[in-house]
PDB file of N, CA and C in Angstrom:
ATOM      1  N   MET A   1      -0.029 -10.482 -17.303  1.00  0.00           N
ATOM      2  CA  MET A   1       0.322 -10.599 -16.211  1.00  0.00           C
ATOM      3  C   MET A   1       1.729 -10.070 -15.835  1.00  0.00           C
ATOM      4  N   LEU A   2       1.782  -9.079 -14.751  1.00  0.00           N
ATOM      5  CA  LEU A   2       2.831  -8.247 -14.381  1.00  0.00           C
ATOM      6  C   LEU A   2       3.664  -9.032 -13.229  1.00  0.00           C
ATOM      7  N   GLU A   3       4.825  -9.271 -13.622  1.00  0.00           N
ATOM      8  CA  GLU A   3       5.808 -10.261 -12.512  1.00  0.00           C
ATOM      9  C   GLU A   3       6.469  -9.126 -11.780  1.00  0.00           C
ATOM     10  N   VAL A   4       6.202  -8.884 -10.542  1.00  0.00           N
ATOM     11  CA  VAL A   4       7.256  -8.301  -9.463  1.00  0.00           C
ATOM     12  C   VAL A   4       8.112  -9.023  -8.513  1.00  0.00           C
ATOM     13  N   THR A   5       9.320  -8.826  -8.547  1.00  0.00           N
ATOM     14  CA  THR A   5      10.350  -9.537  -7.789  1.00  0.00           C
ATOM     15  C   THR A   5      10.681  -8.603  -6.684  1.00  0.00           C
ATOM     16  N   SER A   6      11.102  -9.516  -5.961  1.00  0.00           N
ATOM     17  CA  SER A   6      11.800  -8.959  -4.578  1.00  0.00           C
ATOM     18  C   SER A   6      12.813  -7.798  -4.692  1.00  0.00           C
ATOM     19  N   GLN A   7      13.598  -7.974  -5.784  1.00  0.00           N
ATOM     20  CA  GLN A   7      14.242  -6.828  -6.453  1.00  0.00           C
ATOM     21  C   GLN A   7      13.999  -5.528  -6.678  1.00  0.00           C
ATOM     22  N   ASP A   8      12.780  -5.946  -7.531  1.00  0.00           N
ATOM     23  CA  ASP A   8      11.736  -4.515  -7.935  1.00  0.00           C
ATOM     24  C   ASP A   8      11.415  -3.815  -6.681  1.00  0.00           C
ATOM     25  N   ILE A   9      11.175  -4.613  -5.805  1.00  0.00           N
ATOM     26  CA  ILE A   9      10.452  -4.129  -4.433  1.00  0.00           C
ATOM     27  C   ILE A   9      11.564  -3.184  -3.729  1.00  0.00           C
ATOM     28  N   SER A  10      12.800  -4.101  -3.872  1.00  0.00           N
ATOM     29  CA  SER A  10      13.698  -3.295  -3.000  1.00  0.00           C
ATOM     30  C   SER A  10      14.358  -2.362  -3.473  1.00  0.00           C
ATOM     31  N   THR A  11      14.026  -1.711  -4.724  1.00  0.00           N
ATOM     32  CA  THR A  11      14.357  -0.376  -5.582  1.00  0.00           C
ATOM     33  C   THR A  11      13.664   0.625  -5.223  1.00  0.00           C
ATOM     34  N   LEU A  12      12.285   0.351  -4.537  1.00  0.00           N
ATOM     35  CA  LEU A  12      11.207   1.499  -4.217  1.00  0.00           C
ATOM     36  C   LEU A  12      11.649   2.364  -3.235  1.00  0.00           C
ATOM     37  N   ASN A  13      11.270   3.570  -3.310  1.00  0.00           N
ATOM     38  CA  ASN A  13      11.724   4.486  -2.154  1.00  0.00           C
ATOM     39  C   ASN A  13      10.374   4.222  -1.320  1.00  0.00           C
ATOM     40  N   ASP A  14      10.329   4.850  -0.185  1.00  0.00           N
ATOM     41  CA  ASP A  14       9.415   4.945   0.912  1.00  0.00           C
ATOM     42  C   ASP A  14       7.832   5.179   0.181  1.00  0.00           C
ATOM     43  N   THR A  15       8.043   6.318  -0.309  1.00  0.00           N
ATOM     44  CA  THR A  15       6.910   6.687  -0.947  1.00  0.00           C
ATOM     45  C   THR A  15       6.044   5.853  -2.157  1.00  0.00           C
ATOM     46  N   ASP A  16       7.272   5.393  -2.811  1.00  0.00           N
ATOM     47  CA  ASP A  16       6.334   4.595  -4.041  1.00  0.00           C
ATOM     48  C   ASP A  16       6.218   3.136  -3.407  1.00  0.00           C
ATOM     49  N   LEU A  17       6.882   2.691  -2.382  1.00  0.00           N
ATOM     50  CA  LEU A  17       6.176   1.287  -1.696  1.00  0.00           C
ATOM     51  C   LEU A  17       4.764   1.642  -0.966  1.00  0.00           C
ATOM     52  N   ARG A  18       4.710   2.579  -0.321  1.00  0.00           N
ATOM     53  CA  ARG A  18       3.750   2.939   0.262  1.00  0.00           C
ATOM     54  C   ARG A  18       2.434   3.143  -0.952  1.00  0.00           C
ATOM     55  N   LEU A  19       2.649   3.684  -1.928  1.00  0.00           N
ATOM     56  CA  LEU A  19       1.546   3.686  -2.800  1.00  0.00           C
ATOM     57  C   LEU A  19       1.422   2.410  -3.612  1.00  0.00           C
ATOM     58  N   LEU A  20       2.422   1.391  -3.552  1.00  0.00           N
ATOM     59  CA  LEU A  20       2.169   0.262  -4.318  1.00  0.00           C
ATOM     60  C   LEU A  20       1.397  -0.779  -3.385  1.00  0.00           C
ATOM     61  N   ILE A  21       1.323  -0.566  -2.089  1.00  0.00           N
ATOM     62  CA  ILE A  21       0.774  -1.592  -1.108  1.00  0.00           C
ATOM     63  C   ILE A  21      -0.695  -0.768  -1.366  1.00  0.00           C
ATOM     64  N   GLY A  22      -0.656   0.523  -1.085  1.00  0.00           N
ATOM     65  CA  GLY A  22      -2.058   0.945  -1.068  1.00  0.00           C
ATOM     66  C   GLY A  22      -2.992   0.624  -2.450  1.00  0.00           C
ATOM     67  N   TYR A  23      -2.288   0.599  -3.618  1.00  0.00           N
ATOM     68  CA  TYR A  23      -2.815   0.097  -4.680  1.00  0.00           C
ATOM     69  C   TYR A  23      -3.335  -1.017  -4.760  1.00  0.00           C
ATOM     70  N   LEU A  24      -2.448  -1.844  -4.162  1.00  0.00           N
ATOM     71  CA  LEU A  24      -2.567  -3.433  -4.152  1.00  0.00           C
ATOM     72  C   LEU A  24      -3.899  -3.919  -2.963  1.00  0.00           C
ATOM     73  N   CYS A  25      -3.978  -2.851  -1.905  1.00  0.00           N
ATOM     74  CA  CYS A  25      -4.992  -3.073  -0.981  1.00  0.00           C
ATOM     75  C   CYS A  25      -6.616  -2.514  -1.642  1.00  0.00           C
ATOM     76  N   GLU A  26      -6.372  -1.521  -2.564  1.00  0.00           N
ATOM     77  CA  GLU A  26      -7.509  -1.250  -3.127  1.00  0.00           C
ATOM     78  C   GLU A  26      -7.844  -2.147  -4.169  1.00  0.00           C
ATOM     79  N   THR A  27      -6.915  -2.850  -4.848  1.00  0.00           N
ATOM     80  CA  THR A  27      -7.710  -3.858  -5.843  1.00  0.00           C
ATOM     81  C   THR A  27      -8.177  -5.083  -5.011  1.00  0.00           C
ATOM     82  N   GLU A  28      -7.482  -5.650  -4.050  1.00  0.00           N
ATOM     83  CA  GLU A  28      -7.991  -6.516  -3.434  1.00  0.00           C
ATOM     84  C   GLU A  28      -9.659  -6.361  -2.886  1.00  0.00           C
ATOM     85  N   VAL A  29      -9.556  -5.220  -2.233  1.00  0.00           N
ATOM     86  CA  VAL A  29     -11.041  -4.836  -1.680  1.00  0.00           C
ATOM     87  C   VAL A  29     -11.899  -5.071  -2.808  1.00  0.00           C
ATOM     88  N   SER A  30     -11.735  -4.141  -4.044  1.00  0.00           N
ATOM     89  CA  SER A  30     -12.482  -4.122  -5.168  1.00  0.00           C
ATOM     90  C   SER A  30     -12.679  -5.344  -5.781  1.00  0.00           C
ATOM     91  N   ASN A  31     -11.623  -6.227  -5.704  1.00  0.00           N
ATOM     92  CA  ASN A  31     -11.910  -7.920  -5.979  1.00  0.00           C
ATOM     93  C   ASN A  31     -13.022  -8.738  -5.164  1.00  0.00           C
ATOM     94  N   ASN A  32     -13.129  -7.884  -3.893  1.00  0.00           N
ATOM     95  CA  ASN A  32     -14.038  -8.685  -3.275  1.00  0.00           C
ATOM     96  C   ASN A  32     -15.267  -7.952  -3.118  1.00  0.00           C
ATOM     97  N   GLY A  33     -15.613  -7.424  -4.305  1.00  0.00           N
ATOM     98  CA  GLY A  33     -17.056  -6.587  -4.139  1.00  0.00           C
ATOM     99  C   GLY A  33     -17.363  -5.534  -3.541  1.00  0.00           C
ATOM    100  N   LEU A  34     -16.132  -4.950  -2.970  1.00  0.00           N
ATOM    101  CA  LEU A  34     -16.344  -3.782  -1.867  1.00  0.00           C
ATOM    102  C   LEU A  34     -15.867  -2.385  -2.549  1.00  0.00           C
ATOM    103  N   SER A  35     -16.493  -1.437  -2.271  1.00  0.00           N
ATOM    104  CA  SER A  35     -15.910  -0.263  -2.481  1.00  0.00           C
ATOM    105  C   SER A  35     -14.598   0.222  -1.925  1.00  0.00           C
ATOM    106  N   ALA A  36     -13.452   0.708  -3.013  1.00  0.00           N
ATOM    107  CA  ALA A  36     -12.200   1.010  -2.254  1.00  0.00           C
ATOM    108  C   ALA A  36     -12.334   2.512  -1.807  1.00  0.00           C
ATOM    109  N   TYR A  37     -13.095   3.098  -1.887  1.00  0.00           N
ATOM    110  CA  TYR A  37     -13.428   4.263  -1.071  1.00  0.00           C
ATOM    111  C   TYR A  37     -12.861   4.519   0.100  1.00  0.00           C
ATOM    112  N   GLY A  38     -13.289   3.615   0.915  1.00  0.00           N
ATOM    113  CA  GLY A  38     -12.566   3.512   2.431  1.00  0.00           C
ATOM    114  C   GLY A  38     -11.432   3.353   2.602  1.00  0.00           C
ATOM    115  N   VAL A  39     -10.437   2.910   1.647  1.00  0.00           N
ATOM    116  CA  VAL A  39      -9.099   2.495   1.728  1.00  0.00           C
ATOM    117  C   VAL A  39      -8.193   3.349   1.923  1.00  0.00           C
ATOM    118  N   THR A  40      -7.826   3.896   3.038  1.00  0.00           N
ATOM    119  CA  THR A  40      -6.734   4.913   3.062  1.00  0.00           C
ATOM    120  C   THR A  40      -5.267   4.365   3.570  1.00  0.00           C
ATOM    121  N   TYR A  41      -4.100   5.266   2.923  1.00  0.00           N
ATOM    122  CA  TYR A  41      -2.955   4.825   3.319  1.00  0.00           C
ATOM    123  C   TYR A  41      -1.971   6.115   3.223  1.00  0.00           C
ATOM    124  N   GLY A  42      -1.270   5.906   4.137  1.00  0.00           N
ATOM    125  CA  GLY A  42      -0.004   7.057   3.745  1.00  0.00           C
ATOM    126  C   GLY A  42       0.387   7.547   5.321  1.00  0.00           C
ATOM    127  N   GLY A  43       0.895   8.351   5.605  1.00  0.00           N
ATOM    128  CA  GLY A  43       1.440   8.923   6.930  1.00  0.00           C
ATOM    129  C   GLY A  43       3.148   8.807   6.840  1.00  0.00           C
ATOM    130  N   ASP A  44       3.763   8.858   8.034  1.00  0.00           N
ATOM    131  CA  ASP A  44       5.072   9.098   8.180  1.00  0.00           C
ATOM    132  C   ASP A  44       5.660   8.100   8.625  1.00  0.00           C
ATOM    133  N   LYS A  45       6.590   6.968   8.365  1.00  0.00           N
ATOM    134  CA  LYS A  45       7.312   5.972   8.440  1.00  0.00           C
ATOM    135  C   LYS A  45       8.026   5.802   9.893  1.00  0.00           C
ATOM    136  N   ILE A  46       8.236   7.023  10.343  1.00  0.00           N
ATOM    137  CA  ILE A  46       8.929   7.291  11.460  1.00  0.00           C
ATOM    138  C   ILE A  46       7.938   7.437  12.874  1.00  0.00           C
ATOM    139  N   GLU A  47       6.355   7.762  12.587  1.00  0.00           N
ATOM    140  CA  GLU A  47       5.510   8.259  13.347  1.00  0.00           C
ATOM    141  C   GLU A  47       5.344   6.858  14.631  1.00  0.00           C
ATOM    142  N   LYS A  48       5.357   6.945  15.792  1.00  0.00           N
ATOM    143  CA  LYS A  48       4.983   6.200  16.688  1.00  0.00           C
ATOM    144  C   LYS A  48       3.645   5.568  16.609  1.00  0.00           C
ATOM    145  N   TRP A  49       4.172   4.132  16.742  1.00  0.00           N
ATOM    146  CA  TRP A  49       2.618   3.036  16.390  1.00  0.00           C
ATOM    147  C   TRP A  49       1.511   3.788  17.334  1.00  0.00           C
ATOM    148  N   GLU A  50       1.847   3.822  18.697  1.00  0.00           N
ATOM    149  CA  GLU A  50       0.922   4.102  19.700  1.00  0.00           C
ATOM    150  C   GLU A  50      -0.029   5.608  19.330  1.00  0.00           C
ATOM    151  N   ARG A  51       0.330   6.210  18.178  1.00  0.00           N
ATOM    152  CA  ARG A  51      -0.547   7.309  17.992  1.00  0.00           C
ATOM    153  C   ARG A  51      -0.969   7.067  16.467  1.00  0.00           C
ATOM    154  N   ILE A  52      -0.618   6.043  16.100  1.00  0.00           N
ATOM    155  CA  ILE A  52      -1.834   5.790  14.894  1.00  0.00           C
ATOM    156  C   ILE A  52      -3.130   5.150  15.481  1.00  0.00           C
ATOM    157  N   ARG A  53      -4.573   5.851  14.908  1.00  0.00           N
ATOM    158  CA  ARG A  53      -5.851   5.476  15.340  1.00  0.00           C
ATOM    159  C   ARG A  53      -6.349   5.025  14.235  1.00  0.00           C
TER     160      ARG A  53
END
Protein backbone atom coordinates (compact mmCIF):
# COMPACT_ATOMS: atom_id res chain seq x y z
CA MET A 1 0.00 0.00 0.00
CA LEU A 2 1.28 3.42 -0.91
CA GLU A 3 0.88 6.14 1.68
CA VAL A 4 0.57 9.69 0.37
CA THR A 5 0.79 12.52 2.88
CA SER A 6 -0.45 16.08 2.65
CA GLN A 7 3.19 17.14 2.42
CA ASP A 8 3.61 14.89 -0.64
CA ILE A 9 0.59 16.52 -2.26
CA SER A 10 1.79 20.05 -1.47
CA THR A 11 5.01 19.45 -3.40
CA LEU A 12 3.20 18.57 -6.65
CA ASN A 13 3.03 21.12 -9.43
CA ASP A 14 -0.32 21.83 -11.11
CA THR A 15 0.20 19.33 -13.91
CA ASP A 16 1.23 16.49 -11.61
CA LEU A 17 -1.63 17.19 -9.21
CA ARG A 18 -4.13 17.19 -12.08
CA LEU A 19 -2.74 13.86 -13.30
CA LEU A 20 -2.85 12.33 -9.82
CA ILE A 21 -6.50 13.30 -9.38
CA GLY A 22 -7.29 12.00 -12.86
CA TYR A 23 -5.62 8.65 -12.15
CA LEU A 24 -7.46 8.37 -8.84
CA CYS A 25 -10.77 9.05 -10.61
CA GLU A 26 -10.00 6.43 -13.26
CA THR A 27 -9.20 3.89 -10.56
CA GLU A 28 -12.36 4.66 -8.60
CA VAL A 29 -14.52 4.28 -11.71
CA SER A 30 -12.80 0.99 -12.63
CA ASN A 31 -13.15 -0.33 -9.08
CA ASN A 32 -16.89 0.22 -9.41
CA GLY A 33 -17.06 -2.00 -12.49
CA LEU A 34 -17.29 0.79 -15.04
CA SER A 35 -15.04 1.70 -17.93
CA ALA A 36 -12.56 4.48 -17.27
CA TYR A 37 -12.77 5.35 -20.98
CA GLY A 38 -15.18 8.20 -20.26
CA VAL A 39 -13.06 9.81 -17.54
CA THR A 40 -11.49 13.00 -18.82
CA TYR A 41 -9.40 15.60 -17.09
CA GLY A 42 -7.16 18.50 -17.89
CA GLY A 43 -7.64 22.12 -18.71
CA ASP A 44 -6.37 25.46 -17.58
CA LYS A 45 -6.50 26.17 -13.85
CA ILE A 46 -7.29 29.83 -14.46
CA GLU A 47 -10.13 29.19 -16.91
CA LYS A 48 -13.38 30.73 -15.73
CA TRP A 49 -15.80 28.15 -14.33
CA GLU A 50 -18.73 29.40 -16.38
CA ARG A 51 -16.91 28.35 -19.55
CA ILE A 52 -16.52 24.71 -18.52
CA ARG A 53 -19.21 22.52 -20.05
